[in-house]
Amino acid sequence: MLGPVILAASRSDRMRRLVSAAPVTQQVVDRFIAGEDVDDVVPVIRELTGRGLELTMDVVGEDITTPAQAAAARDAYLELIDRLKPLELGTRAEMSVKLSMFGQALDGGHELALANVRPVVEAAAEIGTTVTLDAEDHTTLDSMFAIHEELRKDFPQTGCVIQAYLFRTEADARRLAANGSRVRLVKGAYKEPGSVAYLDKHEIDRAYVRILRTLMEGEGYPMIGSHDPRLIAIGQELAHRAGRKLDEYEFQMLYGIRTEEQLRLAAEGHRVRVYTAYGTDWYGYFMRRLAEKPANLRFFARSMLTKG
């Protein structure tokens, strides 16, 4: 029930100031954010890959208001790719990008976002890895899917994200599964109206399973974005029924959440990719992590009460 309230707070400047100023905020944020800059995150990359995990890297930040900020976001990813090159990790370390960071919401935003993301995708390909386009709120998706289709003409390994709580997603999944895309399926973490999205948890879970079955039975590469033990088990069963080998799909989980489960799955031979965010503009990302899982909110509230 608190999820929509927290998501609304993620857009509030007043709440941003209050949360950022709380004495224990940094301690809690450190659970979900790997560092403030690329120097902080390189040791994290080395540690996680050394433990048999893979990564998808996210430079946090979404509230872009100028073309110069969008260009700076592009350059931050190019710097990350430059630092990844000597590590020679290939697809074990890929990138996740939000097109809002590349100027999607500005005037001429579709073309601007495409122009900014293309050099990131090109640079990623040069070091043997790839990029996944994150899904944001439903009003941005037609643009995201169009950019995804355009990028795949030259870089077919470019991935995208779909969200189970949106009514449109089952049709999107059928289209993407048929053309061999890399597709991450998540439940969804934006405040959406009942006219476009399921609002009941059980309906979202059922939609997730239906969509995951479509992806597993299709021609693409499914990426199961979930920490839910039941959905993880269902994903394994659907992969088995579809005759998929362990390297023909993967699990994805967030940095700092269910780390032992990540390691357990990896030890069983599964590909496990950790969504690893870093940067100073962490507020929106952090609030969505609280909204997604009540345990995260309890962890934060308990820290505020005991140390604030």
Protein backbone atom coordinates (compact mmCIF):
# COMPACT_ATOMS: atom_id res chain seq x y z
CA MET A 1 0.00 0.00 0.00
CA LEU A 2 2.91 2.37 0.67
CA GLY A 3 4.46 1.78 -2.74
CA PRO A 4 2.51 4.51 -4.59
CA VAL A 5 3.20 6.98 -1.77
CA ILE A 6 6.94 6.34 -1.95
CA LEU A 7 6.92 6.62 -5.74
CA ALA A 8 5.19 9.99 -5.45
CA ALA A 9 7.84 11.04 -2.94
CA SER A 10 10.53 10.12 -5.45
CA ARG A 11 9.41 13.15 -7.51
CA SER A 12 9.21 15.53 -4.54
CA ASP A 13 11.99 18.07 -4.10
CA ARG A 14 10.96 18.55 -0.46
CA MET A 15 11.23 14.82 0.27
CA ARG A 16 14.53 14.72 -1.59
CA ARG A 17 15.92 17.35 0.78
CA LEU A 18 14.55 15.63 3.89
CA VAL A 19 15.81 12.18 2.99
CA SER A 20 19.19 13.45 1.82
CA ALA A 21 19.68 15.35 5.10
CA ALA A 22 18.74 12.43 7.37
CA PRO A 23 21.77 11.38 9.46
CA VAL A 24 21.59 7.69 8.53
CA THR A 25 20.65 8.07 4.88
CA GLN A 26 24.15 7.49 3.51
CA GLN A 27 24.52 4.28 5.51
CA VAL A 28 21.32 2.92 3.99
CA VAL A 29 22.01 4.24 0.49
CA ASP A 30 25.36 2.43 0.55
CA ARG A 31 23.40 -0.82 0.61
CA PHE A 32 22.02 -0.13 -2.87
CA ILE A 33 24.56 2.22 -4.49
CA ALA A 34 28.04 0.89 -5.26
CA GLY A 35 29.78 4.27 -5.07
CA GLU A 36 29.76 7.87 -6.25
CA ASP A 37 32.13 7.63 -9.20
CA VAL A 38 33.87 5.16 -11.48
CA ASP A 39 36.89 4.94 -9.16
CA ASP A 40 34.60 3.66 -6.41
CA VAL A 41 32.91 1.10 -8.61
CA VAL A 42 35.89 -0.58 -10.33
CA PRO A 43 36.83 -2.51 -7.15
CA VAL A 44 33.19 -3.61 -6.84
CA ILE A 45 33.27 -4.89 -10.41
CA ARG A 46 36.43 -6.85 -9.70
CA GLU A 47 34.97 -8.33 -6.51
CA LEU A 48 31.63 -9.42 -7.97
CA THR A 49 33.06 -10.89 -11.16
CA GLY A 50 35.70 -12.64 -9.07
CA ARG A 51 32.87 -14.36 -7.21
CA GLY A 52 31.32 -15.70 -10.40
CA LEU A 53 28.69 -13.00 -10.90
CA GLU A 54 28.08 -10.77 -13.91
CA LEU A 55 27.05 -7.12 -13.88
CA THR A 56 24.95 -4.53 -15.61
CA MET A 57 26.15 -1.04 -14.71
CA ASP A 58 23.83 1.95 -14.22
CA VAL A 59 25.06 5.52 -13.81
CA VAL A 60 22.17 6.93 -11.77
CA GLY A 61 20.38 10.14 -12.67
CA GLU A 62 17.16 10.92 -14.52
CA ASP A 63 16.14 14.55 -14.04
CA ILE A 64 17.85 15.94 -17.12
CA THR A 65 16.75 19.47 -18.05
CA THR A 66 19.37 20.59 -20.60
CA PRO A 67 21.17 19.08 -23.61
CA ALA A 68 24.46 19.71 -21.79
CA GLN A 69 23.36 17.44 -18.93
CA ALA A 70 22.36 14.76 -21.43
CA ALA A 71 25.81 14.99 -23.05
CA ALA A 72 27.42 14.71 -19.62
CA ALA A 73 25.44 11.53 -18.95
CA ARG A 74 26.67 10.11 -22.26
CA ASP A 75 30.24 10.99 -21.34
CA ALA A 76 29.89 9.32 -17.92
CA TYR A 77 29.04 6.04 -19.65
CA LEU A 78 31.90 6.47 -22.10
CA GLU A 79 34.25 6.95 -19.15
CA LEU A 80 32.89 3.76 -17.58
CA ILE A 81 33.46 1.82 -20.80
CA ASP A 82 37.00 3.17 -21.02
CA ARG A 83 37.68 1.89 -17.50
CA LEU A 84 36.12 -1.49 -18.27
CA LYS A 85 38.30 -2.06 -21.34
CA PRO A 86 41.50 -3.20 -19.54
CA LEU A 87 39.47 -5.55 -17.32
CA GLU A 88 38.60 -7.61 -20.44
CA LEU A 89 35.31 -8.83 -19.01
CA GLY A 90 33.33 -8.81 -22.27
CA THR A 91 29.64 -9.39 -21.69
CA ARG A 92 30.26 -10.19 -18.02
CA ALA A 93 29.95 -6.42 -17.49
CA GLU A 94 27.38 -4.63 -19.62
CA MET A 95 25.58 -1.28 -19.25
CA SER A 96 21.99 -0.33 -18.46
CA VAL A 97 20.84 3.12 -19.57
CA LYS A 98 17.75 5.22 -19.01
CA LEU A 99 16.98 7.26 -22.10
CA SER A 100 15.66 10.06 -19.90
CA MET A 101 19.31 10.63 -18.92
CA PHE A 102 20.17 11.13 -22.58
CA GLY A 103 17.59 13.87 -23.10
CA GLN A 104 14.47 11.90 -24.10
CA ALA A 105 12.10 14.35 -22.36
CA LEU A 106 13.63 17.51 -23.87
CA ASP A 107 12.52 19.23 -27.07
CA GLY A 108 13.44 16.92 -29.91
CA GLY A 109 14.14 14.36 -27.21
CA HIS A 110 13.71 11.19 -29.24
CA GLU A 111 16.38 12.19 -31.75
CA LEU A 112 18.60 13.64 -29.01
CA ALA A 113 18.42 10.46 -26.92
CA LEU A 114 19.21 8.31 -29.95
CA ALA A 115 22.17 10.53 -30.88
CA ASN A 116 23.54 10.35 -27.32
CA VAL A 117 23.02 6.64 -26.71
CA ARG A 118 24.44 5.45 -30.04
CA PRO A 119 28.10 6.25 -29.22
CA VAL A 120 27.67 4.43 -25.90
CA VAL A 121 26.38 1.33 -27.69
CA GLU A 122 29.19 1.60 -30.25
CA ALA A 123 31.86 1.92 -27.55
CA ALA A 124 30.38 -1.01 -25.63
CA ALA A 125 30.51 -3.18 -28.75
CA GLU A 126 34.17 -2.26 -29.26
CA ILE A 127 35.10 -3.81 -25.90
CA GLY A 128 32.95 -6.88 -26.51
CA THR A 129 29.91 -6.01 -24.43
CA THR A 130 26.49 -4.46 -24.85
CA VAL A 131 23.81 -2.10 -23.54
CA THR A 132 20.30 -2.64 -22.25
CA LEU A 133 17.70 0.14 -22.49
CA ASP A 134 15.83 0.44 -19.22
CA ALA A 135 12.05 0.92 -19.24
CA GLU A 136 10.65 4.00 -17.55
CA ASP A 137 7.07 5.22 -17.20
CA HIS A 138 4.57 4.17 -19.86
CA THR A 139 4.62 7.50 -21.71
CA THR A 140 8.26 6.93 -22.74
CA LEU A 141 7.99 3.37 -24.03
CA ASP A 142 7.09 3.93 -27.69
CA SER A 143 10.18 6.09 -28.02
CA MET A 144 12.34 3.56 -26.14
CA PHE A 145 11.20 0.65 -28.31
CA ALA A 146 11.76 2.67 -31.49
CA ILE A 147 15.30 3.54 -30.40
CA HIS A 148 15.87 -0.10 -29.45
CA GLU A 149 14.77 -1.23 -32.91
CA GLU A 150 16.99 1.35 -34.59
CA LEU A 151 20.07 0.39 -32.55
CA ARG A 152 19.57 -3.32 -33.20
CA LYS A 153 20.00 -2.75 -36.93
CA ASP A 154 23.73 -2.33 -36.31
CA PHE A 155 24.01 -3.83 -32.81
CA PRO A 156 21.53 -6.71 -32.59
CA GLN A 157 22.70 -7.62 -29.09
CA THR A 158 21.21 -4.40 -27.66
CA GLY A 159 18.72 -5.32 -24.95
CA CYS A 160 15.59 -3.74 -23.54
CA VAL A 161 13.39 -3.99 -20.45
CA ILE A 162 9.69 -4.76 -20.24
CA GLN A 163 7.44 -4.35 -17.19
CA ALA A 164 4.91 -7.00 -16.20
CA TYR A 165 2.43 -4.62 -14.58
CA LEU A 166 1.62 -2.81 -17.83
CA PHE A 167 -1.29 -4.11 -19.89
CA ARG A 168 0.65 -3.60 -23.12
CA THR A 169 3.58 -5.80 -22.13
CA GLU A 170 2.20 -9.19 -23.19
CA ALA A 171 1.97 -7.92 -26.77
CA ASP A 172 5.43 -6.32 -26.51
CA ALA A 173 6.83 -9.64 -25.25
CA ARG A 174 5.39 -11.59 -28.18
CA ARG A 175 6.95 -9.14 -30.64
CA LEU A 176 10.35 -9.12 -28.93
CA ALA A 177 10.48 -12.89 -28.36
CA ALA A 178 9.98 -13.48 -32.07
CA ASN A 179 12.94 -11.41 -33.24
CA GLY A 180 15.70 -12.66 -30.99
CA SER A 181 16.08 -9.73 -28.60
CA ARG A 182 17.72 -9.73 -25.20
CA VAL A 183 14.80 -8.90 -22.89
CA ARG A 184 14.82 -8.20 -19.15
CA LEU A 185 11.45 -8.78 -17.50
CA VAL A 186 10.72 -6.88 -14.28
CA LYS A 187 7.52 -6.25 -12.36
CA GLY A 188 7.70 -2.46 -12.72
CA ALA A 189 8.63 0.35 -10.34
CA TYR A 190 6.92 3.54 -11.58
CA LYS A 191 3.64 5.04 -10.39
CA GLU A 192 1.17 4.13 -13.15
CA PRO A 193 -2.61 4.65 -13.41
CA GLY A 194 -5.07 1.77 -13.35
CA SER A 195 -5.97 2.57 -16.95
CA VAL A 196 -2.62 1.20 -18.18
CA ALA A 197 -1.34 -1.09 -15.43
CA TYR A 198 -2.32 -3.82 -13.00
CA LEU A 199 -2.36 -2.45 -9.47
CA ASP A 200 -2.93 -5.69 -7.57
CA LYS A 201 0.19 -7.66 -6.62
CA HIS A 202 -1.32 -11.04 -7.49
CA GLU A 203 -2.40 -9.81 -10.93
CA ILE A 204 1.12 -8.49 -11.54
CA ASP A 205 2.64 -11.82 -10.51
CA ARG A 206 0.31 -13.74 -12.83
CA ALA A 207 1.15 -11.39 -15.70
CA TYR A 208 4.85 -11.86 -14.95
CA VAL A 209 4.56 -15.63 -15.31
CA ARG A 210 2.55 -15.40 -18.55
CA ILE A 211 5.09 -13.02 -20.08
CA LEU A 212 8.06 -15.05 -18.90
CA ARG A 213 6.57 -18.15 -20.52
CA THR A 214 6.29 -16.23 -23.80
CA LEU A 215 9.95 -15.18 -23.58
CA MET A 216 11.18 -18.65 -22.67
CA GLU A 217 9.28 -20.23 -25.56
CA GLY A 218 10.47 -17.56 -27.99
CA GLU A 219 13.67 -16.98 -29.94
CA GLY A 220 15.23 -14.31 -27.73
CA TYR A 221 17.37 -14.29 -24.62
CA PRO A 222 15.26 -13.88 -21.45
CA MET A 223 16.67 -12.01 -18.46
CA ILE A 224 14.64 -12.71 -15.30
CA GLY A 225 14.67 -9.58 -13.16
CA SER A 226 13.31 -10.70 -9.78
CA HIS A 227 14.24 -11.41 -6.17
CA ASP A 228 11.03 -13.37 -5.55
CA PRO A 229 11.97 -17.00 -4.71
CA ARG A 230 8.72 -18.29 -6.21
CA LEU A 231 9.24 -16.48 -9.52
CA ILE A 232 12.87 -17.60 -9.64
CA ALA A 233 11.74 -21.22 -9.23
CA ILE A 234 9.05 -20.74 -11.89
CA GLY A 235 11.67 -19.25 -14.20
CA GLN A 236 13.86 -22.32 -13.79
CA GLU A 237 10.92 -24.62 -14.51
CA LEU A 238 9.83 -22.65 -17.60
CA ALA A 239 13.41 -22.70 -18.91
CA HIS A 240 13.54 -26.48 -18.40
CA ARG A 241 10.22 -27.00 -20.21
CA ALA A 242 11.42 -24.82 -23.10
CA GLY A 243 14.58 -26.91 -23.41
CA ARG A 244 16.88 -24.00 -22.64
CA LYS A 245 20.46 -24.57 -21.53
CA LEU A 246 21.86 -22.68 -18.54
CA ASP A 247 23.61 -20.15 -20.80
CA GLU A 248 20.42 -19.38 -22.76
CA TYR A 249 18.82 -17.20 -20.10
CA GLU A 250 19.91 -15.41 -16.94
CA PHE A 251 18.74 -14.10 -13.60
CA GLN A 252 19.19 -10.46 -12.66
CA MET A 253 19.08 -9.01 -9.15
CA LEU A 254 19.94 -5.68 -7.58
CA TYR A 255 23.22 -4.89 -5.92
CA GLY A 256 22.84 -5.30 -2.17
CA ILE A 257 19.72 -7.48 -2.23
CA ARG A 258 19.76 -11.26 -1.68
CA THR A 259 23.48 -11.54 -2.29
CA GLU A 260 23.62 -15.08 -0.94
CA GLU A 261 20.89 -16.15 -3.34
CA GLN A 262 22.85 -14.61 -6.21
CA LEU A 263 25.90 -16.64 -5.24
CA ARG A 264 23.85 -19.82 -4.76
CA LEU A 265 22.34 -19.61 -8.24
CA ALA A 266 25.76 -18.85 -9.76
CA ALA A 267 27.26 -21.85 -7.96
CA GLU A 268 24.57 -24.03 -9.55
CA GLY A 269 25.76 -22.91 -12.98
CA HIS A 270 23.18 -20.21 -13.69
CA ARG A 271 24.16 -16.89 -15.19
CA VAL A 272 23.44 -14.25 -12.54
CA ARG A 273 23.81 -10.56 -13.36
CA VAL A 274 23.87 -7.92 -10.64
CA TYR A 275 22.27 -4.57 -11.46
CA THR A 276 24.92 -2.25 -10.02
CA ALA A 277 24.16 1.46 -9.78
CA TYR A 278 26.55 4.24 -8.88
CA GLY A 279 26.68 8.03 -8.96
CA THR A 280 25.73 11.04 -6.87
CA ASP A 281 22.17 11.55 -8.17
CA TRP A 282 20.88 8.47 -6.34
CA TYR A 283 17.58 9.73 -4.91
CA GLY A 284 15.07 8.54 -7.55
CA TYR A 285 16.73 5.14 -7.87
CA PHE A 286 16.87 4.74 -4.10
CA MET A 287 13.20 5.61 -3.56
CA ARG A 288 12.06 3.10 -6.19
CA ARG A 289 14.05 0.39 -4.40
CA LEU A 290 12.13 1.24 -1.22
CA ALA A 291 8.81 1.16 -3.09
CA GLU A 292 9.49 -2.20 -4.71
CA LYS A 293 10.01 -4.21 -1.55
CA PRO A 294 8.53 -3.57 1.93
CA ALA A 295 11.61 -5.11 3.56
CA ASN A 296 13.74 -2.34 2.07
CA LEU A 297 11.46 0.29 3.59
CA ARG A 298 11.52 -1.44 6.99
CA PHE A 299 15.32 -1.55 6.83
CA PHE A 300 15.44 2.20 6.16
CA ALA A 301 12.82 3.11 8.79
CA ARG A 302 14.53 0.97 11.45
CA SER A 303 17.84 2.70 10.74
CA MET A 304 16.19 6.11 10.96
CA LEU A 305 14.61 5.28 14.32
CA THR A 306 17.68 3.72 15.90
CA LYS A 307 20.37 6.08 14.62
CA GLY A 308 18.59 9.18 13.37
